[in-house]
Amino acid sequence: MEISFFGAAGEVGRSCIMISTNKTRVLLDAGVKFGKHEEYPQVEDNVAKKVDGIVLSHAHLDHSGYLPHIYSTGYGGDVYATKPTLELTTVLISDYMHLSAPQNVTKNGLKSFMAHYKAKEYQSEFSIGDMRFRLIPAGHILGSAMVHITDGRTSLLYTGDTNVAKTKLFDGADLKNINADTLITESTYGLATDVFQKEKDAAKLMIASIKDTLRQGGKVVVPSFAVGRAQEVLLLFDDYLNSGILPKVPIYIDGMINKAMRIHRHNVIYCRKELQSKILMSDYDPFKNKNFIAVESKAQRAKITNSDEASIIVTTSGMLSGGPVFYYLPRLAGNPVNKMIMVGYQAEGTLGRDIQEGARKIEIDHRPVELKMKVETYHLSAHADRPGLESIISKVNGLENVFIVHGEKSKSESLKEYAAKRFNANVPAIKSAYTV
C-alpha cells in the first residue's frame, strides 16, 4: 500500500491523501486551504480524475471544498461518506461557490459531483477496487468519520479531524478494538502545551464574560463554523438561557448556520443518545428553538447593528475569511462595549489568527477597520488536544507507522517526538509518498 500526501502536510487545510495498491487508487478527502488566498491540493488533474473513489472524513471545506474541481477535470466516480456528511457538504460547497466563485470549477463539474454520492453507515464495510473501507465515528462534527482501510495484507486508520471528548452533541471518537498497521493522524493541537481546560470551566468563564457585555448593553459577536462549533455554542447558550444564568436577549444566527441546524435535526440519530432521548421524550428541540432568530436579509442585519438592544450574534465564518461576519465587524468594532468571542481554531494566515494574536487595525473588503471592541478566545474545540491525540496513538492495536498531518509544522513535529518513542513516525512533506 502506498500513501501520497497532496495537502495538510505541515499545515492545516487542503487535506488530500491518496491510498494506492497495484490495482486501486482512492483519495481520502479533497479540501481547500483558506488564508490570504486560497490554496489547493498539489495533485495533478490527470491523477485526480483517474482515481477509483473518494472517501470524505467530514464536510468542512478544508476536507471537501476541492471536490467540484476534481469533477470539473472529468472525474466520474463516486464520493463515499456518511449521509449527514454528504448533506452538509452540499450546503457548504454551495455557499463556497457563491462567495468565492473559484475559476477552476465548471457548471458540469458542480452538477456532477452532487450526483455521485454514496452514503455509508458507520461500521458497515464497503469496497473500492481491492480495498475495503469502514467509517468509524470521529466525534468531530455531525457525520464525521475516521476511515479504516485494508487491502487484506496491510491496514490503515485515517483520523480525519477527531475529538475524543464528549460534547453536547457527540460522544468522543470510537476507539474500541481498532487494529491498524499504520495511522494517519491530525495534529491541530499537537504541542505538549496544547492541553485544554475542561469545557464546563471554559464555558462558565465565557458566559460570565458575555453577561458582563450584555449588562452594559453591548453586542457579542461569535464568529463560528456553520457546522460543528455553531451548534455546540448555540446549545450551550440555550442551556444557560433556560437556567436563567444568561439573560434573555435575542440570539441571532446568520450565514449557513440555520440550514446546518435543520440538517442536524434531520440526522439527530447521529448525535448522542442522551440528546436523542431528550428530543423524543419532551417538547425540547434545540434545533427548532424560539430562542434563536435566523437572520434572512440585509435589512434585518442593519436593524440588528443599528439597534440599542443587547444581543448575541452567532455568524459565519469561523476564521473571518468572509461571510456575514464581514457585515457585522465594521459596524460594531468601534464600540468598546461590544465584544467578539472566538471559539474555534484560527489557522495561520487567516484574519482570525491575526486578530487572535493582537492585530487591532485590520482591513475588511479593502477598507480599514479599527477594533475597539474586546476580543476573547475560549477553547470549545471540536479537535482532540495533545492528551487526546496521545490516547488515539496508544489505543490503536498492532501499530507500526504513524504519519502526522493537519497541523502547523511545529505542532506536528512535537507530536512526532512523542510517537517516535514507540513507532516509526513521520511528518510528511507535500507531494511525498511512502510505502507501508
Foldseek 3Di string as FASTA:
>chain_A
DKKAFQDQFQFAFQGWIWDDDPWAIEIEFWAWDDFPDIDGGNDDLVVLQPHQEYEYQAQDRSGHQCQQLNLLSPRQAAYEFAPLRLVSNLLVNVLVCVPPVDPSGDPRSNVRHNVRYDHDDAQDWDDRTQKIWGFWDFQQFQRGTWIWIDNPPFIEIENNFHACPDAPWAHGTPLPPAAGAEYEYEQAQQAPPQDADDPVVLLVVVQVVLQQLQVVLAEEEEAAALTGPVLRVLVSVVVCPVVVNHPQDAEEEEDCNLVNLVSCVVPSVSTDPVLVCVVVVDVDDSSPDPSYHYDDDPVSVVCVLPDSGYYYYYYDDLQPSDGPVLVNCQSRQVDQSYEYEHAEDHTPNTPSVVVVVPDQFDDRPNHTGGGNYYYYYGHPHSGYHNVRVVVSLVSHPNYAEYEYGNYNNVSSVNNQVVNVVPHHYDSDDNRDMDDD
